[in-house]
Amino acid sequence: MPAELKSEYVGVHIPCGCTILVGDSEDSLVDIGVIPEDTETSLSITYEVQTVMGSKREKVLEYVRNMAAEGTSAIYQAKLKILNNLFGGIMDIEESAGTNVPSATHKIAKGYSKETIYTLPGQNADESAQTISKVNDGTEDLTEGVDYVQARGADGRWGVMLLSAATATEELTVTYSYTPAAYIDAYMGDSVRQITPRMIRFYKEYGGKKFWVDLYSAKATNGLQIGFPASSADTPMSIPLTITGELDTTRAAGKQLLRIHDEIGVDL
């Protein structure tokens, strides 16, 4: 009578969906963004099996070589510093803290009309009105509340509205101060650019237990694809990812490519 078969399947199902984290080490991993709900995230581990044959064509041993890993996914992410980290530093990042511009000027051409809002190009990041220090028609300074007022257009941008068109034959110069939004400029383009691999983790938690795969030395290798969905689209911009892992030879032999950590399928 055959022995009774024992199933080991119960309890090892891992629900769909995961989070992707990236960092220089395990201690610095950062969640890089939300994975679109309809995106299938997968990880493929490949290697070559080599066979060594003896003098009589007998098999002496088998071993694996050229082990690598490749993952595919996508993220909702437009934060340039995080993308640059994920892609191994392919961008040059320049940041501005959004400091006050104390003496900006704007010209309003002669022929202006009264009760028309002339938007000033410099806007405050907090959407408040700029501080106007002077409006000059070439011969004298105009008086706020008499000759002009600050006003906000239907688009939410602030400017100057003239209350009188008596001097419309002269060009007006508006002097004002404003504080723009902080911003980042990311530049790309080199004939040769060295990239820096990062540690990348595919992470899932379910019922208080965790499952993850760490690629110790990895980078996104599919290029940066930025889509701009229509304003009527149901989903925001997403960025497809192909993540390639390679051996980290600074680690112990046998532990150089990846680690799979499993708390969900354990039965001890």
Protein backbone atom coordinates (compact mmCIF):
# COMPACT_ATOMS: atom_id res chain seq x y z
CA MET A 1 0.00 0.00 0.00
CA PRO A 2 1.54 3.35 -0.99
CA ALA A 3 2.52 5.81 1.69
CA GLU A 4 0.05 8.62 2.34
CA LEU A 5 1.01 11.79 0.46
CA LYS A 6 1.58 14.86 2.61
CA SER A 7 0.81 18.31 1.17
CA GLU A 8 3.07 21.20 2.10
CA TYR A 9 1.12 23.80 0.15
CA VAL A 10 -1.14 25.03 2.95
CA GLY A 11 -0.15 28.46 4.29
CA VAL A 12 2.44 29.41 1.69
CA HIS A 13 0.22 31.51 -0.59
CA ILE A 14 1.58 35.06 -0.84
CA PRO A 15 -1.09 37.64 -1.81
CA CYS A 16 -0.49 39.85 -4.83
CA GLY A 17 1.06 43.29 -4.76
CA CYS A 18 4.31 44.55 -3.30
CA THR A 19 6.33 47.63 -2.45
CA ILE A 20 9.69 48.53 -3.99
CA LEU A 21 12.38 50.13 -1.84
CA VAL A 22 15.81 51.46 -2.82
CA GLY A 23 18.88 52.63 -0.91
CA ASP A 24 22.63 52.39 -0.52
CA SER A 25 22.24 49.71 2.17
CA GLU A 26 19.56 47.88 4.14
CA ASP A 27 19.54 50.65 6.76
CA SER A 28 18.82 53.36 4.20
CA LEU A 29 16.05 51.74 2.14
CA VAL A 30 13.25 54.12 1.10
CA ASP A 31 9.83 53.28 -0.33
CA ILE A 32 10.03 54.81 -3.82
CA GLY A 33 6.37 54.95 -4.74
CA VAL A 34 3.05 53.24 -5.29
CA ILE A 35 2.86 50.39 -7.81
CA PRO A 36 -0.15 50.74 -10.15
CA GLU A 37 -2.88 48.28 -9.21
CA ASP A 38 -2.96 46.60 -12.63
CA THR A 39 0.83 46.19 -12.82
CA GLU A 40 2.28 42.70 -12.56
CA THR A 41 5.55 42.75 -10.65
CA SER A 42 7.83 39.78 -11.30
CA LEU A 43 11.40 38.74 -10.57
CA SER A 44 13.36 36.30 -12.74
CA ILE A 45 16.57 34.66 -11.48
CA THR A 46 18.70 33.10 -14.22
CA TYR A 47 21.96 31.17 -14.41
CA GLU A 48 23.86 28.77 -16.64
CA VAL A 49 24.33 25.13 -15.64
CA GLN A 50 27.82 23.87 -16.53
CA THR A 51 28.78 20.18 -16.57
CA VAL A 52 32.33 18.90 -16.17
CA MET A 53 32.95 15.54 -17.86
CA GLY A 54 35.69 13.03 -17.03
CA SER A 55 38.07 11.32 -19.47
CA LYS A 56 35.55 8.53 -20.01
CA ARG A 57 32.72 10.98 -20.64
CA GLU A 58 31.36 10.40 -17.18
CA LYS A 59 29.81 13.38 -15.39
CA VAL A 60 32.21 14.59 -12.72
CA LEU A 61 30.29 17.58 -11.39
CA GLU A 62 27.77 20.27 -12.28
CA TYR A 63 27.86 23.91 -11.24
CA VAL A 64 26.11 27.18 -12.03
CA ARG A 65 27.66 30.40 -13.33
CA ASN A 66 26.62 33.86 -14.56
CA MET A 67 23.80 34.12 -12.03
CA ALA A 68 21.69 37.27 -12.49
CA ALA A 69 18.27 38.64 -11.58
CA GLU A 70 15.81 40.83 -13.44
CA GLY A 71 12.60 42.33 -12.13
CA THR A 72 9.82 44.20 -13.94
CA SER A 73 7.27 46.55 -12.45
CA ALA A 74 6.13 50.18 -12.57
CA ILE A 75 5.64 53.01 -10.08
CA TYR A 76 3.64 56.20 -9.71
CA GLN A 77 6.61 58.48 -9.12
CA ALA A 78 7.72 61.91 -10.27
CA LYS A 79 10.18 62.80 -7.51
CA LEU A 80 13.37 63.36 -9.46
CA LYS A 81 15.84 62.74 -6.62
CA ILE A 82 14.33 59.31 -5.95
CA LEU A 83 14.28 58.44 -9.65
CA ASN A 84 17.93 59.46 -9.94
CA ASN A 85 18.80 57.17 -7.05
CA LEU A 86 16.89 54.28 -8.61
CA PHE A 87 18.57 54.78 -11.99
CA GLY A 88 22.05 54.84 -10.48
CA GLY A 89 22.76 58.58 -10.62
CA ILE A 90 22.33 59.20 -14.35
CA MET A 91 21.06 62.74 -13.74
CA ASP A 92 22.73 65.93 -12.56
CA ILE A 93 20.43 67.42 -9.92
CA GLU A 94 20.29 71.16 -9.17
CA GLU A 95 18.02 72.42 -6.40
CA SER A 96 16.62 75.85 -5.53
CA ALA A 97 15.17 76.55 -2.13
CA GLY A 98 12.79 79.20 -3.49
CA THR A 99 14.48 82.31 -2.08
CA ASN A 100 12.98 85.79 -2.19
CA VAL A 101 13.47 87.87 -5.35
CA PRO A 102 13.61 91.41 -3.91
CA SER A 103 13.54 93.70 -6.98
CA ALA A 104 11.89 92.05 -9.95
CA THR A 105 10.63 94.34 -12.71
CA HIS A 106 7.89 93.94 -15.31
CA LYS A 107 7.02 96.22 -18.21
CA ILE A 108 3.43 96.99 -19.22
CA ALA A 109 3.41 98.36 -22.76
CA LYS A 110 1.76 101.68 -23.49
CA GLY A 111 -1.80 101.39 -24.67
CA TYR A 112 -2.92 99.51 -21.57
CA SER A 113 -6.57 99.60 -20.53
CA LYS A 114 -8.09 100.37 -17.19
CA GLU A 115 -9.77 97.63 -15.19
CA THR A 116 -7.69 95.00 -16.99
CA ILE A 117 -5.48 92.75 -14.87
CA TYR A 118 -1.87 92.62 -16.10
CA THR A 119 -0.40 89.49 -14.56
CA LEU A 120 3.08 89.74 -13.09
CA PRO A 121 5.35 86.86 -14.19
CA GLY A 122 6.79 86.27 -10.71
CA GLN A 123 4.29 84.59 -8.38
CA ASN A 124 4.54 83.63 -4.71
CA ALA A 125 4.61 79.89 -4.10
CA ASP A 126 2.01 80.27 -1.33
CA GLU A 127 -0.33 82.00 -3.81
CA SER A 128 -0.35 85.26 -1.83
CA ALA A 129 -0.02 88.66 -3.52
CA GLN A 130 3.44 89.97 -4.35
CA THR A 131 4.82 93.06 -2.60
CA ILE A 132 4.77 95.95 -5.07
CA SER A 133 7.25 98.70 -4.22
CA LYS A 134 6.71 100.97 -7.23
CA VAL A 135 4.71 101.47 -10.42
CA ASN A 136 6.28 104.15 -12.60
CA ASP A 137 5.04 105.59 -15.91
CA GLY A 138 8.42 106.99 -16.94
CA THR A 139 7.95 110.38 -15.29
CA GLU A 140 6.37 109.70 -11.90
CA ASP A 141 5.33 106.95 -9.51
CA LEU A 142 1.67 106.00 -9.52
CA THR A 143 -0.36 105.88 -6.32
CA GLU A 144 -1.80 102.56 -5.14
CA GLY A 145 -5.55 102.73 -4.59
CA VAL A 146 -5.83 105.77 -6.81
CA ASP A 147 -4.02 104.88 -10.02
CA TYR A 148 -3.79 101.10 -9.62
CA VAL A 149 -4.57 98.16 -7.33
CA GLN A 150 -3.30 94.62 -7.03
CA ALA A 151 -5.81 92.07 -8.30
CA ARG A 152 -6.09 88.35 -8.81
CA GLY A 153 -7.20 86.92 -12.13
CA ALA A 154 -9.55 84.02 -12.76
CA ASP A 155 -6.49 81.75 -13.13
CA GLY A 156 -5.43 82.56 -9.55
CA ARG A 157 -2.39 84.60 -10.58
CA TRP A 158 -1.77 88.09 -9.15
CA GLY A 159 -1.10 91.24 -11.14
CA VAL A 160 -1.77 94.96 -11.49
CA MET A 161 -5.07 96.52 -12.52
CA LEU A 162 -5.03 100.15 -13.62
CA LEU A 163 -7.84 102.36 -12.36
CA SER A 164 -7.17 105.08 -14.89
CA ALA A 165 -5.98 105.01 -18.49
CA ALA A 166 -5.09 108.71 -18.55
CA THR A 167 -1.36 108.00 -19.00
CA ALA A 168 -1.77 104.99 -21.31
CA THR A 169 0.58 106.61 -23.79
CA GLU A 170 3.53 105.77 -21.53
CA GLU A 171 5.11 102.41 -20.70
CA LEU A 172 4.71 101.33 -17.08
CA THR A 173 7.44 99.65 -15.01
CA VAL A 174 6.31 97.58 -12.04
CA THR A 175 8.93 96.84 -9.36
CA TYR A 176 7.98 94.12 -6.91
CA SER A 177 9.23 91.21 -4.75
CA TYR A 178 8.10 87.58 -4.62
CA THR A 179 9.19 84.16 -3.38
CA PRO A 180 8.89 81.38 -5.98
CA ALA A 181 8.41 77.69 -5.25
CA ALA A 182 11.40 75.53 -4.47
CA TYR A 183 12.33 73.44 -7.48
CA ILE A 184 14.66 70.78 -8.82
CA ASP A 185 16.21 70.72 -12.27
CA ALA A 186 17.41 67.31 -13.45
CA TYR A 187 19.83 67.29 -16.37
CA MET A 188 20.72 64.27 -18.50
CA GLY A 189 23.13 63.81 -21.36
CA ASP A 190 26.72 62.49 -21.41
CA SER A 191 28.68 60.47 -23.91
CA VAL A 192 29.80 58.37 -20.93
CA ARG A 193 28.16 58.36 -17.50
CA GLN A 194 29.16 55.97 -14.74
CA ILE A 195 26.22 54.64 -12.75
CA THR A 196 26.14 53.46 -9.15
CA PRO A 197 24.18 50.27 -8.36
CA ARG A 198 21.83 50.38 -5.36
CA MET A 199 20.23 47.86 -3.06
CA ILE A 200 16.63 47.23 -4.20
CA ARG A 201 13.98 45.38 -2.22
CA PHE A 202 10.68 43.86 -3.40
CA TYR A 203 8.61 43.81 -0.19
CA LYS A 204 5.27 42.35 0.88
CA GLU A 205 3.60 42.24 4.31
CA TYR A 206 0.52 40.15 5.01
CA GLY A 207 -1.13 39.34 8.31
CA GLY A 208 1.77 40.89 10.22
CA LYS A 209 4.30 38.63 8.46
CA LYS A 210 6.81 39.74 5.85
CA PHE A 211 8.22 38.44 2.62
CA TRP A 212 10.87 40.25 0.62
CA VAL A 213 13.61 39.82 -1.95
CA ASP A 214 16.76 41.95 -1.73
CA LEU A 215 18.92 42.55 -4.80
CA TYR A 216 22.21 43.68 -3.31
CA SER A 217 23.60 45.44 -6.40
CA ALA A 218 20.95 46.55 -8.87
CA LYS A 219 19.77 49.38 -11.08
CA ALA A 220 16.94 50.24 -13.45
CA THR A 221 18.10 49.35 -16.96
CA ASN A 222 15.13 50.06 -19.25
CA GLY A 223 15.75 53.79 -19.60
CA LEU A 224 13.53 56.54 -18.23
CA GLN A 225 10.08 56.51 -19.81
CA ILE A 226 7.84 59.40 -18.79
CA GLY A 227 4.24 59.29 -19.98
CA PHE A 228 1.77 62.17 -19.80
CA PRO A 229 -1.77 60.78 -19.52
CA ALA A 230 -4.68 62.86 -20.76
CA SER A 231 -6.28 65.11 -18.15
CA SER A 232 -9.39 62.94 -18.39
CA ALA A 233 -7.47 59.71 -17.69
CA ASP A 234 -8.38 57.71 -14.59
CA THR A 235 -4.77 57.05 -13.54
CA PRO A 236 -1.77 59.36 -13.02
CA MET A 237 1.61 59.15 -14.71
CA SER A 238 3.45 55.87 -14.15
CA ILE A 239 7.02 54.90 -14.94
CA PRO A 240 7.80 51.35 -16.13
CA LEU A 241 10.79 49.63 -14.55
CA THR A 242 13.17 46.88 -15.51
CA ILE A 243 15.52 46.26 -12.60
CA THR A 244 18.68 44.22 -13.16
CA GLY A 245 20.65 42.70 -10.29
CA GLU A 246 24.30 41.67 -10.47
CA LEU A 247 26.76 40.08 -8.06
CA ASP A 248 28.07 42.18 -5.20
CA THR A 249 31.53 40.68 -4.91
CA THR A 250 32.20 42.48 -1.61
CA ARG A 251 29.84 39.99 0.07
CA ALA A 252 30.56 36.42 1.09
CA ALA A 253 30.59 33.79 -1.66
CA GLY A 254 27.16 32.29 -2.20
CA LYS A 255 25.46 35.43 -0.82
CA GLN A 256 26.36 37.98 -3.47
CA LEU A 257 23.24 38.30 -5.65
CA LEU A 258 20.13 38.31 -3.49
CA ARG A 259 18.37 37.28 -0.31
CA ILE A 260 14.82 35.95 -0.07
CA HIS A 261 13.33 36.56 3.39
CA ASP A 262 10.20 34.54 4.20
CA GLU A 263 7.99 34.79 7.30
CA ILE A 264 4.72 33.89 5.56
CA GLY A 265 5.50 30.36 4.36
CA VAL A 266 7.37 29.18 7.45
CA ASP A 267 6.11 26.20 9.43
CA LEU A 268 8.56 25.51 12.29
